[in-house]
Amino acid sequence: MADDLIRRHLQKGMTSDEVVKLIGRPETTLKGETDGGANRLVGNHTYSYWIGSWTFAAWDSTFVYVYFDDNERVISAEMQGF
């Protein structure tokens, strides 16, 4: 489902309001060069949506990241995890 969301619904150029209307408010908004782990972030800020994890520990969590430019428009989206 996350792949379908990224490929078909989260389109480059969408506004942050359109993203929130489509999939809801993000659990976290990230800023900076990394997400605190090894995953590199691009753009001005990133909306992070937690998908789940394989165990009860959080070290194997997977997220959908939606990257925005300075004008609040989607640059790209992808799945990331740690």
C-alpha atoms as a PDB file:
ATOM      1  CA  MET A   1       0.000   0.000   0.000  1.00  0.00           C
ATOM      2  CA  ALA A   2       2.819   2.414   0.802  1.00  0.00           C
ATOM      3  CA  ASP A   3       4.412   1.772  -2.605  1.00  0.00           C
ATOM      4  CA  ASP A   4       1.082   2.528  -4.301  1.00  0.00           C
ATOM      5  CA  LEU A   5       0.694   5.704  -2.246  1.00  0.00           C
ATOM      6  CA  ILE A   6       4.145   6.892  -3.290  1.00  0.00           C
ATOM      7  CA  ARG A   7       3.876   5.894  -6.971  1.00  0.00           C
ATOM      8  CA  ARG A   8       0.303   6.958  -7.678  1.00  0.00           C
ATOM      9  CA  HIS A   9      -0.892   9.500  -5.140  1.00  0.00           C
ATOM     10  CA  LEU A  10       1.955  11.573  -3.677  1.00  0.00           C
ATOM     11  CA  GLN A  11       2.793  13.644  -6.728  1.00  0.00           C
ATOM     12  CA  LYS A  12       5.649  16.096  -7.133  1.00  0.00           C
ATOM     13  CA  GLY A  13       4.354  19.646  -6.704  1.00  0.00           C
ATOM     14  CA  MET A  14       1.499  18.824  -4.316  1.00  0.00           C
ATOM     15  CA  THR A  15       1.092  21.293  -1.454  1.00  0.00           C
ATOM     16  CA  SER A  16       1.523  20.276   2.166  1.00  0.00           C
ATOM     17  CA  ASP A  17      -2.226  20.899   2.664  1.00  0.00           C
ATOM     18  CA  GLU A  18      -3.023  18.463  -0.159  1.00  0.00           C
ATOM     19  CA  VAL A  19      -0.776  15.829   1.445  1.00  0.00           C
ATOM     20  CA  VAL A  20      -2.472  16.261   4.829  1.00  0.00           C
ATOM     21  CA  LYS A  21      -5.887  16.046   3.187  1.00  0.00           C
ATOM     22  CA  LEU A  22      -4.831  12.821   1.412  1.00  0.00           C
ATOM     23  CA  ILE A  23      -3.121  10.915   4.245  1.00  0.00           C
ATOM     24  CA  GLY A  24      -3.531  12.970   7.427  1.00  0.00           C
ATOM     25  CA  ARG A  25      -1.194  14.938   9.636  1.00  0.00           C
ATOM     26  CA  PRO A  26       2.334  13.570   9.923  1.00  0.00           C
ATOM     27  CA  GLU A  27       3.453  11.953  13.134  1.00  0.00           C
ATOM     28  CA  THR A  28       6.645  13.988  12.943  1.00  0.00           C
ATOM     29  CA  THR A  29       8.035  16.838  10.870  1.00  0.00           C
ATOM     30  CA  LEU A  30      11.789  16.470  10.420  1.00  0.00           C
ATOM     31  CA  LYS A  31      14.345  19.171   9.589  1.00  0.00           C
ATOM     32  CA  GLY A  32      18.038  18.827   8.982  1.00  0.00           C
ATOM     33  CA  GLU A  33      20.290  16.602   6.933  1.00  0.00           C
ATOM     34  CA  THR A  34      19.421  13.247   8.549  1.00  0.00           C
ATOM     35  CA  ASP A  35      16.544  11.689  10.458  1.00  0.00           C
ATOM     36  CA  GLY A  36      18.728  11.014  13.484  1.00  0.00           C
ATOM     37  CA  GLY A  37      19.772   7.706  11.960  1.00  0.00           C
ATOM     38  CA  ALA A  38      21.543   6.950   8.724  1.00  0.00           C
ATOM     39  CA  ASN A  39      18.785   8.206   6.401  1.00  0.00           C
ATOM     40  CA  ARG A  40      19.563  11.388   4.490  1.00  0.00           C
ATOM     41  CA  LEU A  41      16.788  13.985   4.236  1.00  0.00           C
ATOM     42  CA  VAL A  42      16.324  16.315   1.268  1.00  0.00           C
ATOM     43  CA  GLY A  43      14.561  19.643   0.926  1.00  0.00           C
ATOM     44  CA  ASN A  44      13.407  22.121   3.547  1.00  0.00           C
ATOM     45  CA  HIS A  45      11.499  19.691   5.766  1.00  0.00           C
ATOM     46  CA  THR A  46      10.091  16.159   5.754  1.00  0.00           C
ATOM     47  CA  TYR A  47       6.765  14.718   6.875  1.00  0.00           C
ATOM     48  CA  SER A  48       7.263  11.328   8.514  1.00  0.00           C
ATOM     49  CA  TYR A  49       4.489   8.689   8.628  1.00  0.00           C
ATOM     50  CA  TRP A  50       5.185   5.522  10.626  1.00  0.00           C
ATOM     51  CA  ILE A  51       4.109   2.355   8.788  1.00  0.00           C
ATOM     52  CA  GLY A  52       5.095  -0.241  11.361  1.00  0.00           C
ATOM     53  CA  SER A  53       7.841  -2.546  12.577  1.00  0.00           C
ATOM     54  CA  TRP A  54       8.597  -6.260  12.587  1.00  0.00           C
ATOM     55  CA  THR A  55       9.207  -6.537  16.319  1.00  0.00           C
ATOM     56  CA  PHE A  56       8.207  -4.740  19.493  1.00  0.00           C
ATOM     57  CA  ALA A  57      11.480  -2.839  19.397  1.00  0.00           C
ATOM     58  CA  ALA A  58      11.608   0.382  17.398  1.00  0.00           C
ATOM     59  CA  TRP A  59      14.927  -0.300  15.663  1.00  0.00           C
ATOM     60  CA  ASP A  60      13.268  -1.911  12.653  1.00  0.00           C
ATOM     61  CA  SER A  61      10.532   0.676  12.022  1.00  0.00           C
ATOM     62  CA  THR A  62       9.547   1.738   8.510  1.00  0.00           C
ATOM     63  CA  PHE A  63       8.282   5.166   7.510  1.00  0.00           C
ATOM     64  CA  VAL A  64       6.954   7.016   4.482  1.00  0.00           C
ATOM     65  CA  TYR A  65       8.926  10.247   4.137  1.00  0.00           C
ATOM     66  CA  VAL A  66       7.446  13.108   2.115  1.00  0.00           C
ATOM     67  CA  TYR A  67      10.042  15.762   1.228  1.00  0.00           C
ATOM     68  CA  PHE A  68       9.068  19.425   0.752  1.00  0.00           C
ATOM     69  CA  ASP A  69      10.804  22.428  -0.773  1.00  0.00           C
ATOM     70  CA  ASP A  70      10.830  25.991   0.625  1.00  0.00           C
ATOM     71  CA  ASN A  71       7.437  26.679  -0.999  1.00  0.00           C
ATOM     72  CA  GLU A  72       5.669  23.798   0.812  1.00  0.00           C
ATOM     73  CA  ARG A  73       5.560  21.683  -2.375  1.00  0.00           C
ATOM     74  CA  VAL A  74       6.404  17.979  -2.575  1.00  0.00           C
ATOM     75  CA  ILE A  75       9.838  17.234  -4.008  1.00  0.00           C
ATOM     76  CA  SER A  76       9.525  13.457  -3.650  1.00  0.00           C
ATOM     77  CA  ALA A  77       8.411  10.660  -1.325  1.00  0.00           C
ATOM     78  CA  GLU A  78       9.953   7.333  -0.354  1.00  0.00           C
ATOM     79  CA  MET A  79       9.985   4.578   2.255  1.00  0.00           C
ATOM     80  CA  GLN A  80      12.806   4.655   4.792  1.00  0.00           C
ATOM     81  CA  GLY A  81      13.609   2.690   7.871  1.00  0.00           C
ATOM     82  CA  PHE A  82      16.085   1.775  10.537  1.00  0.00           C
END
